[in-house]
């Protein structure tokens, strides 16, 4: 249940376009995630590192899901997207 909730929080607070989970720009989002976890579950401060690492895994899993569902064909190859024509 905790892992699912963390996945929900990650999708809500972290953009899928972030390239690096360790980026300083994500600090605010990670702090929001941690505060929401503490508000919803009674988790000790010593578990913060574990929860944030789990959040990173959930983000990676969600991006992989999106890639496999929308960017690949049945054979697992990336599909070429049609580029909009310039007017």
C-alpha atoms as a PDB file:
ATOM      1  CA  UNK A   1       0.000   0.000   0.000  1.00  0.00           C
ATOM      2  CA  UNK A   2       2.825   2.384   0.827  1.00  0.00           C
ATOM      3  CA  UNK A   3       4.574   1.710  -2.486  1.00  0.00           C
ATOM      4  CA  UNK A   4       1.394   2.401  -4.466  1.00  0.00           C
ATOM      5  CA  UNK A   5       0.830   5.624  -2.570  1.00  0.00           C
ATOM      6  CA  UNK A   6       4.417   6.700  -3.215  1.00  0.00           C
ATOM      7  CA  UNK A   7       3.877   6.023  -6.925  1.00  0.00           C
ATOM      8  CA  UNK A   8       0.800   8.245  -6.870  1.00  0.00           C
ATOM      9  CA  UNK A   9       2.738  11.038  -5.133  1.00  0.00           C
ATOM     10  CA  UNK A  10       5.601  10.799  -7.627  1.00  0.00           C
ATOM     11  CA  UNK A  11       3.241  11.118 -10.581  1.00  0.00           C
ATOM     12  CA  UNK A  12       1.658  14.108  -8.884  1.00  0.00           C
ATOM     13  CA  UNK A  13       4.791  16.044  -7.856  1.00  0.00           C
ATOM     14  CA  UNK A  14       7.627  15.046 -10.224  1.00  0.00           C
ATOM     15  CA  UNK A  15       7.562  15.768 -13.978  1.00  0.00           C
ATOM     16  CA  UNK A  16       8.125  12.748 -16.226  1.00  0.00           C
ATOM     17  CA  UNK A  17      10.585  14.825 -18.245  1.00  0.00           C
ATOM     18  CA  UNK A  18      13.204  14.959 -15.481  1.00  0.00           C
ATOM     19  CA  UNK A  19      16.441  13.377 -16.649  1.00  0.00           C
ATOM     20  CA  UNK A  20      18.173  12.847 -13.323  1.00  0.00           C
ATOM     21  CA  UNK A  21      16.506  11.801 -10.071  1.00  0.00           C
ATOM     22  CA  UNK A  22      19.402  13.363  -8.145  1.00  0.00           C
ATOM     23  CA  UNK A  23      18.831  16.770  -9.743  1.00  0.00           C
ATOM     24  CA  UNK A  24      18.651  19.667  -7.233  1.00  0.00           C
ATOM     25  CA  UNK A  25      15.553  20.980  -9.040  1.00  0.00           C
ATOM     26  CA  UNK A  26      13.579  18.003  -7.722  1.00  0.00           C
ATOM     27  CA  UNK A  27      14.322  18.828  -4.084  1.00  0.00           C
ATOM     28  CA  UNK A  28      11.000  20.643  -3.571  1.00  0.00           C
ATOM     29  CA  UNK A  29       9.044  17.757  -5.097  1.00  0.00           C
ATOM     30  CA  UNK A  30      10.876  15.196  -2.973  1.00  0.00           C
ATOM     31  CA  UNK A  31      10.198  17.234   0.166  1.00  0.00           C
ATOM     32  CA  UNK A  32       6.483  17.356  -0.731  1.00  0.00           C
ATOM     33  CA  UNK A  33       6.473  13.605  -1.261  1.00  0.00           C
ATOM     34  CA  UNK A  34       8.144  12.995   2.099  1.00  0.00           C
ATOM     35  CA  UNK A  35       5.788  15.327   3.960  1.00  0.00           C
ATOM     36  CA  UNK A  36       2.744  13.624   2.392  1.00  0.00           C
ATOM     37  CA  UNK A  37       4.107  10.194   3.340  1.00  0.00           C
ATOM     38  CA  UNK A  38       4.631  11.329   6.932  1.00  0.00           C
ATOM     39  CA  UNK A  39       1.157  12.838   7.032  1.00  0.00           C
ATOM     40  CA  UNK A  40      -0.503   9.661   5.771  1.00  0.00           C
ATOM     41  CA  UNK A  41       1.668   7.025   7.457  1.00  0.00           C
ATOM     42  CA  UNK A  42       3.488   7.056  10.772  1.00  0.00           C
ATOM     43  CA  UNK A  43       7.016   6.526   9.491  1.00  0.00           C
ATOM     44  CA  UNK A  44      10.186   7.403  11.359  1.00  0.00           C
ATOM     45  CA  UNK A  45      12.614  10.004   9.961  1.00  0.00           C
ATOM     46  CA  UNK A  46      15.253   7.299   9.631  1.00  0.00           C
ATOM     47  CA  UNK A  47      13.203   5.750   6.788  1.00  0.00           C
ATOM     48  CA  UNK A  48      13.219   8.894   4.644  1.00  0.00           C
ATOM     49  CA  UNK A  49      16.111   7.735   2.454  1.00  0.00           C
ATOM     50  CA  UNK A  50      14.365   4.422   1.749  1.00  0.00           C
ATOM     51  CA  UNK A  51      11.075   6.117   0.856  1.00  0.00           C
ATOM     52  CA  UNK A  52      12.732   8.618  -1.484  1.00  0.00           C
ATOM     53  CA  UNK A  53      14.697   5.819  -3.162  1.00  0.00           C
ATOM     54  CA  UNK A  54      11.438   3.926  -3.613  1.00  0.00           C
ATOM     55  CA  UNK A  55       9.926   7.061  -5.142  1.00  0.00           C
ATOM     56  CA  UNK A  56      12.754   7.139  -7.692  1.00  0.00           C
ATOM     57  CA  UNK A  57      12.083   3.517  -8.598  1.00  0.00           C
ATOM     58  CA  UNK A  58       8.383   4.261  -8.988  1.00  0.00           C
ATOM     59  CA  UNK A  59       9.148   7.159 -11.327  1.00  0.00           C
ATOM     60  CA  UNK A  60      11.432   4.974 -13.432  1.00  0.00           C
ATOM     61  CA  UNK A  61       8.785   2.247 -13.573  1.00  0.00           C
ATOM     62  CA  UNK A  62       6.087   4.706 -14.606  1.00  0.00           C
ATOM     63  CA  UNK A  63       8.241   6.170 -17.369  1.00  0.00           C
ATOM     64  CA  UNK A  64       9.040   2.652 -18.609  1.00  0.00           C
ATOM     65  CA  UNK A  65       5.333   1.830 -18.651  1.00  0.00           C
ATOM     66  CA  UNK A  66       4.578   4.952 -20.695  1.00  0.00           C
ATOM     67  CA  UNK A  67       7.400   4.191 -23.106  1.00  0.00           C
ATOM     68  CA  UNK A  68       6.300   0.601 -23.640  1.00  0.00           C
ATOM     69  CA  UNK A  69       2.622   1.476 -23.969  1.00  0.00           C
ATOM     70  CA  UNK A  70       2.798   4.531 -26.216  1.00  0.00           C
ATOM     71  CA  UNK A  71       6.188   4.636 -27.944  1.00  0.00           C
ATOM     72  CA  UNK A  72       6.756   0.996 -28.939  1.00  0.00           C
ATOM     73  CA  UNK A  73       4.955  -1.335 -31.322  1.00  0.00           C
ATOM     74  CA  UNK A  74       3.998  -4.980 -30.735  1.00  0.00           C
ATOM     75  CA  UNK A  75       7.554  -6.129 -31.509  1.00  0.00           C
ATOM     76  CA  UNK A  76       9.076  -3.803 -28.922  1.00  0.00           C
ATOM     77  CA  UNK A  77      10.603  -1.404 -31.441  1.00  0.00           C
ATOM     78  CA  UNK A  78      10.245   2.335 -31.106  1.00  0.00           C
ATOM     79  CA  UNK A  79       7.688   3.807 -33.468  1.00  0.00           C
ATOM     80  CA  UNK A  80       8.633   6.808 -35.552  1.00  0.00           C
ATOM     81  CA  UNK A  81       6.357   9.682 -34.674  1.00  0.00           C
ATOM     82  CA  UNK A  82       4.893  11.832 -37.380  1.00  0.00           C
ATOM     83  CA  UNK A  83       6.272  15.311 -37.116  1.00  0.00           C
ATOM     84  CA  UNK A  84       3.845  18.173 -37.549  1.00  0.00           C
ATOM     85  CA  UNK A  85       4.285  20.112 -40.768  1.00  0.00           C
ATOM     86  CA  UNK A  86       5.420  23.701 -40.500  1.00  0.00           C
ATOM     87  CA  UNK A  87       3.144  26.256 -42.076  1.00  0.00           C
END
